Each structure stands twice: as C-alpha cells, then as structure tokens.
Amino acid sequence: MGKHEAATDLIVFTELRRAGYVDGSFKSILPKVDVGVRTSNHPEAQKLLASASKQKTGKQGYPEYIICDRENDIAKMISRL
C-alpha cells in the first residue's frame, strides 16, 4: 500500500467513525448497517459487483468499502481511483 492509499484509508475510516458507522476496530455499530472492506453480505451489492470491474472486463468488482443500509435499502460503494 502506497503512502497516498494509506492516507485515503485513514480519511475514510475517520469519516465512517465520525458518522457512527464503525467503532475503533472497524466493526459495524448500527444494527441495520453493514460496513465491509472489499466484500458485502448484501445480496443486491453482490449482484451489482458480479460484473463491475474498474477495467470494464465484465469480471467481479471490488471497491475498497461497501456500506449497506438495510433500513433505508441503500448501498454505497467507495473505491480509490
């Protein structure tokens, strides 16, 4: 991991903690919200990622963070560019 990637990860982690999504061990705090690193148990997120590679090859995509809010039926995927 490069210096810039580490800085980006720290910023994302800090913002996820500030928003109340994760604790200091990066475990989800909210019962209806799952935060995953490069993976998700959310069926819709898995379906969307099945053919979502950044290079548009049709292979599986792996964003760095996946946040699934089951209460509001929202999934957010965060990738480094």
PDB file of N, CA and C in Angstrom:
ATOM      1  N   MET A   1       0.851  -1.173   0.000  1.00  0.00           N
ATOM      2  CA  MET A   1       0.000   0.000   0.000  1.00  0.00           C
ATOM      3  C   MET A   1       0.891   1.228   0.000  1.00  0.00           C
ATOM      4  N   GLY A   2       0.597   2.144  -0.908  1.00  0.00           N
ATOM      5  CA  GLY A   2       1.363   3.369  -1.005  1.00  0.00           C
ATOM      6  C   GLY A   2       0.986   4.375   0.066  1.00  0.00           C
ATOM      7  N   LYS A   3       1.794   5.412   0.168  1.00  0.00           N
ATOM      8  CA  LYS A   3       1.565   6.456   1.169  1.00  0.00           C
ATOM      9  C   LYS A   3       0.209   7.131   0.973  1.00  0.00           C
ATOM     10  N   HIS A   4      -0.164   7.390  -0.287  1.00  0.00           N
ATOM     11  CA  HIS A   4      -1.438   8.061  -0.554  1.00  0.00           C
ATOM     12  C   HIS A   4      -2.619   7.145  -0.254  1.00  0.00           C
ATOM     13  N   GLU A   5      -2.481   5.853  -0.547  1.00  0.00           N
ATOM     14  CA  GLU A   5      -3.560   4.904  -0.242  1.00  0.00           C
ATOM     15  C   GLU A   5      -3.779   4.809   1.265  1.00  0.00           C
ATOM     16  N   ALA A   6      -2.703   4.790   2.038  1.00  0.00           N
ATOM     17  CA  ALA A   6      -2.819   4.731   3.490  1.00  0.00           C
ATOM     18  C   ALA A   6      -3.511   5.982   4.020  1.00  0.00           C
ATOM     19  N   ALA A   7      -3.178   7.133   3.465  1.00  0.00           N
ATOM     20  CA  ALA A   7      -3.816   8.391   3.884  1.00  0.00           C
ATOM     21  C   ALA A   7      -5.306   8.368   3.536  1.00  0.00           C
ATOM     22  N   THR A   8      -5.640   7.868   2.346  1.00  0.00           N
ATOM     23  CA  THR A   8      -7.043   7.782   1.942  1.00  0.00           C
ATOM     24  C   THR A   8      -7.811   6.850   2.867  1.00  0.00           C
ATOM     25  N   ASP A   9      -7.224   5.696   3.187  1.00  0.00           N
ATOM     26  CA  ASP A   9      -7.874   4.751   4.093  1.00  0.00           C
ATOM     27  C   ASP A   9      -8.119   5.376   5.460  1.00  0.00           C
ATOM     28  N   LEU A  10      -7.164   6.140   5.953  1.00  0.00           N
ATOM     29  CA  LEU A  10      -7.316   6.796   7.250  1.00  0.00           C
ATOM     30  C   LEU A  10      -8.441   7.827   7.213  1.00  0.00           C
ATOM     31  N   ILE A  11      -8.533   8.574   6.135  1.00  0.00           N
ATOM     32  CA  ILE A  11      -9.615   9.564   5.989  1.00  0.00           C
ATOM     33  C   ILE A  11     -10.972   8.866   5.970  1.00  0.00           C
ATOM     34  N   VAL A  12     -11.099   7.810   5.173  1.00  0.00           N
ATOM     35  CA  VAL A  12     -12.380   7.077   5.088  1.00  0.00           C
ATOM     36  C   VAL A  12     -12.735   6.493   6.446  1.00  0.00           C
ATOM     37  N   PHE A  13     -11.777   5.845   7.108  1.00  0.00           N
ATOM     38  CA  PHE A  13     -12.026   5.266   8.431  1.00  0.00           C
ATOM     39  C   PHE A  13     -12.474   6.334   9.419  1.00  0.00           C
ATOM     40  N   THR A  14     -11.802   7.484   9.417  1.00  0.00           N
ATOM     41  CA  THR A  14     -12.155   8.580  10.323  1.00  0.00           C
ATOM     42  C   THR A  14     -13.577   9.061  10.068  1.00  0.00           C
ATOM     43  N   GLU A  15     -13.943   9.214   8.803  1.00  0.00           N
ATOM     44  CA  GLU A  15     -15.296   9.680   8.463  1.00  0.00           C
ATOM     45  C   GLU A  15     -16.356   8.638   8.809  1.00  0.00           C
ATOM     46  N   LEU A  16     -16.059   7.362   8.612  1.00  0.00           N
ATOM     47  CA  LEU A  16     -17.011   6.305   8.985  1.00  0.00           C
ATOM     48  C   LEU A  16     -17.216   6.271  10.494  1.00  0.00           C
ATOM     49  N   ARG A  17     -16.140   6.486  11.255  1.00  0.00           N
ATOM     50  CA  ARG A  17     -16.270   6.555  12.720  1.00  0.00           C
ATOM     51  C   ARG A  17     -17.054   7.791  13.141  1.00  0.00           C
ATOM     52  N   ARG A  18     -16.741   8.924  12.523  1.00  0.00           N
ATOM     53  CA  ARG A  18     -17.417  10.175  12.868  1.00  0.00           C
ATOM     54  C   ARG A  18     -18.921  10.083  12.588  1.00  0.00           C
ATOM     55  N   ALA A  19     -19.287   9.383  11.514  1.00  0.00           N
ATOM     56  CA  ALA A  19     -20.695   9.224  11.156  1.00  0.00           C
ATOM     57  C   ALA A  19     -21.395   8.164  12.008  1.00  0.00           C
ATOM     58  N   GLY A  20     -20.637   7.438  12.832  1.00  0.00           N
ATOM     59  CA  GLY A  20     -21.236   6.446  13.713  1.00  0.00           C
ATOM     60  C   GLY A  20     -21.482   5.095  13.062  1.00  0.00           C
ATOM     61  N   TYR A  21     -20.806   4.827  11.935  1.00  0.00           N
ATOM     62  CA  TYR A  21     -20.978   3.544  11.255  1.00  0.00           C
ATOM     63  C   TYR A  21     -20.123   2.446  11.862  1.00  0.00           C
ATOM     64  N   VAL A  22     -18.901   2.767  12.296  1.00  0.00           N
ATOM     65  CA  VAL A  22     -17.980   1.760  12.819  1.00  0.00           C
ATOM     66  C   VAL A  22     -17.352   2.232  14.123  1.00  0.00           C
ATOM     67  N   ASP A  23     -16.841   1.248  14.884  1.00  0.00           N
ATOM     68  CA  ASP A  23     -16.114   1.591  16.102  1.00  0.00           C
ATOM     69  C   ASP A  23     -14.616   1.625  15.804  1.00  0.00           C
ATOM     70  N   GLY A  24     -13.789   1.720  16.823  1.00  0.00           N
ATOM     71  CA  GLY A  24     -12.342   1.804  16.636  1.00  0.00           C
ATOM     72  C   GLY A  24     -11.710   0.559  16.050  1.00  0.00           C
ATOM     73  N   SER A  25     -12.434  -0.564  16.070  1.00  0.00           N
ATOM     74  CA  SER A  25     -11.945  -1.817  15.485  1.00  0.00           C
ATOM     75  C   SER A  25     -12.530  -2.068  14.109  1.00  0.00           C
ATOM     76  N   PHE A  26     -13.193  -1.069  13.554  1.00  0.00           N
ATOM     77  CA  PHE A  26     -13.844  -1.122  12.240  1.00  0.00           C
ATOM     78  C   PHE A  26     -14.989  -2.135  12.208  1.00  0.00           C
ATOM     79  N   LYS A  27     -15.656  -2.318  13.355  1.00  0.00           N
ATOM     80  CA  LYS A  27     -16.838  -3.176  13.414  1.00  0.00           C
ATOM     81  C   LYS A  27     -18.069  -2.294  13.315  1.00  0.00           C
ATOM     82  N   SER A  28     -19.068  -2.771  12.570  1.00  0.00           N
ATOM     83  CA  SER A  28     -20.306  -2.012  12.401  1.00  0.00           C
ATOM     84  C   SER A  28     -20.969  -1.785  13.753  1.00  0.00           C
ATOM     85  N   ILE A  29     -21.459  -0.579  13.968  1.00  0.00           N
ATOM     86  CA  ILE A  29     -22.114  -0.216  15.217  1.00  0.00           C
ATOM     87  C   ILE A  29     -23.633  -0.306  15.083  1.00  0.00           C
ATOM     88  N   LEU A  30     -24.159   0.180  13.978  1.00  0.00           N
ATOM     89  CA  LEU A  30     -25.606   0.231  13.786  1.00  0.00           C
ATOM     90  C   LEU A  30     -26.137  -1.143  13.373  1.00  0.00           C
ATOM     91  N   PRO A  31     -27.223  -1.601  14.008  1.00  0.00           N
ATOM     92  CA  PRO A  31     -27.721  -2.945  13.708  1.00  0.00           C
ATOM     93  C   PRO A  31     -28.205  -3.136  12.273  1.00  0.00           C
ATOM     94  N   LYS A  32     -28.662  -2.090  11.620  1.00  0.00           N
ATOM     95  CA  LYS A  32     -29.196  -2.216  10.255  1.00  0.00           C
ATOM     96  C   LYS A  32     -28.209  -1.766   9.183  1.00  0.00           C
ATOM     97  N   VAL A  33     -26.955  -1.479   9.576  1.00  0.00           N
ATOM     98  CA  VAL A  33     -25.956  -1.010   8.616  1.00  0.00           C
ATOM     99  C   VAL A  33     -24.740  -1.921   8.675  1.00  0.00           C
ATOM    100  N   ASP A  34     -24.338  -2.447   7.519  1.00  0.00           N
ATOM    101  CA  ASP A  34     -23.140  -3.272   7.414  1.00  0.00           C
ATOM    102  C   ASP A  34     -22.065  -2.486   6.676  1.00  0.00           C
ATOM    103  N   VAL A  35     -20.854  -2.499   7.202  1.00  0.00           N
ATOM    104  CA  VAL A  35     -19.718  -1.864   6.543  1.00  0.00           C
ATOM    105  C   VAL A  35     -18.709  -2.968   6.252  1.00  0.00           C
ATOM    106  N   GLY A  36     -18.381  -3.123   4.982  1.00  0.00           N
ATOM    107  CA  GLY A  36     -17.441  -4.166   4.601  1.00  0.00           C
ATOM    108  C   GLY A  36     -16.254  -3.588   3.851  1.00  0.00           C
ATOM    109  N   VAL A  37     -15.156  -4.306   3.903  1.00  0.00           N
ATOM    110  CA  VAL A  37     -13.957  -3.935   3.160  1.00  0.00           C
ATOM    111  C   VAL A  37     -13.808  -4.941   2.035  1.00  0.00           C
ATOM    112  N   ARG A  38     -14.021  -4.476   0.801  1.00  0.00           N
ATOM    113  CA  ARG A  38     -13.902  -5.280  -0.415  1.00  0.00           C
ATOM    114  C   ARG A  38     -14.896  -6.434  -0.520  1.00  0.00           C
ATOM    115  N   THR A  39     -15.875  -6.512   0.374  1.00  0.00           N
ATOM    116  CA  THR A  39     -16.871  -7.571   0.308  1.00  0.00           C
ATOM    117  C   THR A  39     -18.158  -7.114   0.985  1.00  0.00           C
ATOM    118  N   SER A  40     -19.243  -7.815   0.685  1.00  0.00           N
ATOM    119  CA  SER A  40     -20.524  -7.479   1.283  1.00  0.00           C
ATOM    120  C   SER A  40     -21.394  -8.722   1.356  1.00  0.00           C
ATOM    121  N   ASN A  41     -22.206  -8.800   2.392  1.00  0.00           N
ATOM    122  CA  ASN A  41     -23.190  -9.873   2.506  1.00  0.00           C
ATOM    123  C   ASN A  41     -24.533  -9.458   1.927  1.00  0.00           C
ATOM    124  N   HIS A  42     -24.642  -8.230   1.479  1.00  0.00           N
ATOM    125  CA  HIS A  42     -25.887  -7.692   0.935  1.00  0.00           C
ATOM    126  C   HIS A  42     -26.105  -8.276  -0.468  1.00  0.00           C
ATOM    127  N   PRO A  43     -27.207  -9.013  -0.696  1.00  0.00           N
ATOM    128  CA  PRO A  43     -27.427  -9.674  -1.989  1.00  0.00           C
ATOM    129  C   PRO A  43     -27.414  -8.727  -3.189  1.00  0.00           C
ATOM    130  N   GLU A  44     -27.996  -7.559  -3.050  1.00  0.00           N
ATOM    131  CA  GLU A  44     -28.021  -6.608  -4.169  1.00  0.00           C
ATOM    132  C   GLU A  44     -26.621  -6.101  -4.488  1.00  0.00           C
ATOM    133  N   ALA A  45     -25.821  -5.832  -3.455  1.00  0.00           N
ATOM    134  CA  ALA A  45     -24.445  -5.387  -3.679  1.00  0.00           C
ATOM    135  C   ALA A  45     -23.646  -6.484  -4.368  1.00  0.00           C
ATOM    136  N   GLN A  46     -23.815  -7.733  -3.945  1.00  0.00           N
ATOM    137  CA  GLN A  46     -23.121  -8.849  -4.590  1.00  0.00           C
ATOM    138  C   GLN A  46     -23.510  -8.960  -6.059  1.00  0.00           C
ATOM    139  N   LYS A  47     -24.792  -8.775  -6.346  1.00  0.00           N
ATOM    140  CA  LYS A  47     -25.280  -8.844  -7.731  1.00  0.00           C
ATOM    141  C   LYS A  47     -24.646  -7.736  -8.581  1.00  0.00           C
ATOM    142  N   LEU A  48     -24.617  -6.521  -8.037  1.00  0.00           N
ATOM    143  CA  LEU A  48     -24.053  -5.390  -8.773  1.00  0.00           C
ATOM    144  C   LEU A  48     -22.552  -5.551  -9.012  1.00  0.00           C
ATOM    145  N   LEU A  49     -21.855  -6.139  -8.053  1.00  0.00           N
ATOM    146  CA  LEU A  49     -20.402  -6.291  -8.162  1.00  0.00           C
ATOM    147  C   LEU A  49     -19.986  -7.471  -9.032  1.00  0.00           C
ATOM    148  N   ALA A  50     -20.908  -8.367  -9.323  1.00  0.00           N
ATOM    149  CA  ALA A  50     -20.576  -9.585 -10.070  1.00  0.00           C
ATOM    150  C   ALA A  50     -19.910  -9.296 -11.409  1.00  0.00           C
ATOM    151  N   SER A  51     -20.231  -8.164 -12.022  1.00  0.00           N
ATOM    152  CA  SER A  51     -19.638  -7.830 -13.326  1.00  0.00           C
ATOM    153  C   SER A  51     -19.241  -6.357 -13.395  1.00  0.00           C
ATOM    154  N   ALA A  52     -18.681  -5.847 -12.299  1.00  0.00           N
ATOM    155  CA  ALA A  52     -18.416  -4.409 -12.206  1.00  0.00           C
ATOM    156  C   ALA A  52     -16.939  -4.070 -12.037  1.00  0.00           C
ATOM    157  N   SER A  53     -16.077  -4.698 -12.800  1.00  0.00           N
ATOM    158  CA  SER A  53     -14.649  -4.395 -12.682  1.00  0.00           C
ATOM    159  C   SER A  53     -14.356  -2.974 -13.160  1.00  0.00           C
ATOM    160  N   LYS A  54     -13.333  -2.340 -12.591  1.00  0.00           N
ATOM    161  CA  LYS A  54     -12.960  -0.976 -12.980  1.00  0.00           C
ATOM    162  C   LYS A  54     -12.504  -0.906 -14.437  1.00  0.00           C
ATOM    163  N   GLN A  55     -11.913  -2.006 -14.934  1.00  0.00           N
ATOM    164  CA  GLN A  55     -11.419  -2.039 -16.313  1.00  0.00           C
ATOM    165  C   GLN A  55     -12.511  -2.436 -17.302  1.00  0.00           C
ATOM    166  N   LYS A  56     -13.737  -2.612 -16.801  1.00  0.00           N
ATOM    167  CA  LYS A  56     -14.895  -2.968 -17.631  1.00  0.00           C
ATOM    168  C   LYS A  56     -14.676  -4.266 -18.404  1.00  0.00           C
ATOM    169  N   THR A  57     -14.095  -5.259 -17.713  1.00  0.00           N
ATOM    170  CA  THR A  57     -13.862  -6.563 -18.340  1.00  0.00           C
ATOM    171  C   THR A  57     -15.047  -7.500 -18.156  1.00  0.00           C
ATOM    172  N   GLY A  58     -16.031  -7.110 -17.349  1.00  0.00           N
ATOM    173  CA  GLY A  58     -17.164  -7.974 -17.054  1.00  0.00           C
ATOM    174  C   GLY A  58     -16.907  -8.891 -15.873  1.00  0.00           C
ATOM    175  N   LYS A  59     -15.703  -8.815 -15.301  1.00  0.00           N
ATOM    176  CA  LYS A  59     -15.379  -9.626 -14.133  1.00  0.00           C
ATOM    177  C   LYS A  59     -15.856  -8.930 -12.872  1.00  0.00           C
ATOM    178  N   GLN A  60     -15.722  -9.630 -11.743  1.00  0.00           N
ATOM    179  CA  GLN A  60     -16.199  -9.094 -10.474  1.00  0.00           C
ATOM    180  C   GLN A  60     -15.425  -7.841 -10.082  1.00  0.00           C
ATOM    181  N   GLY A  61     -16.138  -6.889  -9.486  1.00  0.00           N
ATOM    182  CA  GLY A  61     -15.534  -5.653  -8.998  1.00  0.00           C
ATOM    183  C   GLY A  61     -15.336  -5.713  -7.496  1.00  0.00           C
ATOM    184  N   TYR A  62     -14.327  -5.013  -7.026  1.00  0.00           N
ATOM    185  CA  TYR A  62     -14.006  -4.998  -5.600  1.00  0.00           C
ATOM    186  C   TYR A  62     -13.728  -3.574  -5.135  1.00  0.00           C
ATOM    187  N   PRO A  63     -14.762  -2.805  -4.781  1.00  0.00           N
ATOM    188  CA  PRO A  63     -14.499  -1.476  -4.218  1.00  0.00           C
ATOM    189  C   PRO A  63     -13.858  -1.628  -2.837  1.00  0.00           C
ATOM    190  N   GLU A  64     -13.169  -0.610  -2.384  1.00  0.00           N
ATOM    191  CA  GLU A  64     -12.479  -0.710  -1.107  1.00  0.00           C
ATOM    192  C   GLU A  64     -13.460  -0.836   0.063  1.00  0.00           C
ATOM    193  N   TYR A  65     -14.553  -0.103   0.034  1.00  0.00           N
ATOM    194  CA  TYR A  65     -15.524  -0.130   1.129  1.00  0.00           C
ATOM    195  C   TYR A  65     -16.928  -0.268   0.559  1.00  0.00           C
ATOM    196  N   ILE A  66     -17.760  -1.035   1.257  1.00  0.00           N
ATOM    197  CA  ILE A  66     -19.153  -1.194   0.876  1.00  0.00           C
ATOM    198  C   ILE A  66     -19.986  -0.960   2.128  1.00  0.00           C
ATOM    199  N   ILE A  67     -20.903  -0.008   2.047  1.00  0.00           N
ATOM    200  CA  ILE A  67     -21.782   0.315   3.167  1.00  0.00           C
ATOM    201  C   ILE A  67     -23.204  -0.014   2.738  1.00  0.00           C
ATOM    202  N   CYS A  68     -23.850  -0.919   3.454  1.00  0.00           N
ATOM    203  CA  CYS A  68     -25.224  -1.323   3.127  1.00  0.00           C
ATOM    204  C   CYS A  68     -26.137  -0.969   4.283  1.00  0.00           C
ATOM    205  N   ASP A  69     -27.099  -0.112   4.013  1.00  0.00           N
ATOM    206  CA  ASP A  69     -28.093   0.314   4.994  1.00  0.00           C
ATOM    207  C   ASP A  69     -29.382  -0.435   4.675  1.00  0.00           C
ATOM    208  N   ARG A  70     -29.663  -1.499   5.434  1.00  0.00           N
ATOM    209  CA  ARG A  70     -30.836  -2.329   5.169  1.00  0.00           C
ATOM    210  C   ARG A  70     -32.136  -1.616   5.519  1.00  0.00           C
ATOM    211  N   GLU A  71     -32.098  -0.710   6.468  1.00  0.00           N
ATOM    212  CA  GLU A  71     -33.305   0.010   6.875  1.00  0.00           C
ATOM    213  C   GLU A  71     -33.802   0.917   5.747  1.00  0.00           C
ATOM    214  N   ASN A  72     -32.895   1.602   5.071  1.00  0.00           N
ATOM    215  CA  ASN A  72     -33.261   2.529   4.005  1.00  0.00           C
ATOM    216  C   ASN A  72     -33.018   1.952   2.615  1.00  0.00           C
ATOM    217  N   ASP A  73     -32.595   0.688   2.547  1.00  0.00           N
ATOM    218  CA  ASP A  73     -32.338  -0.012   1.286  1.00  0.00           C
ATOM    219  C   ASP A  73     -31.371   0.771   0.404  1.00  0.00           C
ATOM    220  N   ILE A  74     -30.244   1.141   0.999  1.00  0.00           N
ATOM    221  CA  ILE A  74     -29.215   1.913   0.300  1.00  0.00           C
ATOM    222  C   ILE A  74     -27.889   1.161   0.400  1.00  0.00           C
ATOM    223  N   ALA A  75     -27.180   1.095  -0.699  1.00  0.00           N
ATOM    224  CA  ALA A  75     -25.827   0.534  -0.700  1.00  0.00           C
ATOM    225  C   ALA A  75     -24.900   1.571  -1.317  1.00  0.00           C
ATOM    226  N   LYS A  76     -23.796   1.860  -0.659  1.00  0.00           N
ATOM    227  CA  LYS A  76     -22.792   2.782  -1.173  1.00  0.00           C
ATOM    228  C   LYS A  76     -21.481   2.037  -1.308  1.00  0.00           C
ATOM    229  N   MET A  77     -20.814   2.247  -2.405  1.00  0.00           N
ATOM    230  CA  MET A  77     -19.532   1.616  -2.638  1.00  0.00           C
ATOM    231  C   MET A  77     -18.487   2.686  -2.865  1.00  0.00           C
ATOM    232  N   ILE A  78     -17.382   2.588  -2.147  1.00  0.00           N
ATOM    233  CA  ILE A  78     -16.338   3.600  -2.229  1.00  0.00           C
ATOM    234  C   ILE A  78     -15.071   2.949  -2.756  1.00  0.00           C
ATOM    235  N   SER A  79     -14.529   3.503  -3.828  1.00  0.00           N
ATOM    236  CA  SER A  79     -13.295   2.998  -4.417  1.00  0.00           C
ATOM    237  C   SER A  79     -12.277   4.102  -4.519  1.00  0.00           C
ATOM    238  N   ARG A  80     -11.019   3.719  -4.459  1.00  0.00           N
ATOM    239  CA  ARG A  80      -9.947   4.648  -4.785  1.00  0.00           C
ATOM    240  C   ARG A  80      -9.834   4.675  -6.292  1.00  0.00           C
ATOM    241  N   LEU A  81      -9.563   5.824  -6.846  1.00  0.00           N
ATOM    242  CA  LEU A  81      -9.387   5.928  -8.298  1.00  0.00           C
ATOM    243  C   LEU A  81      -7.928   5.866  -8.653  1.00  0.00           C
TER     244      LEU A  81
END
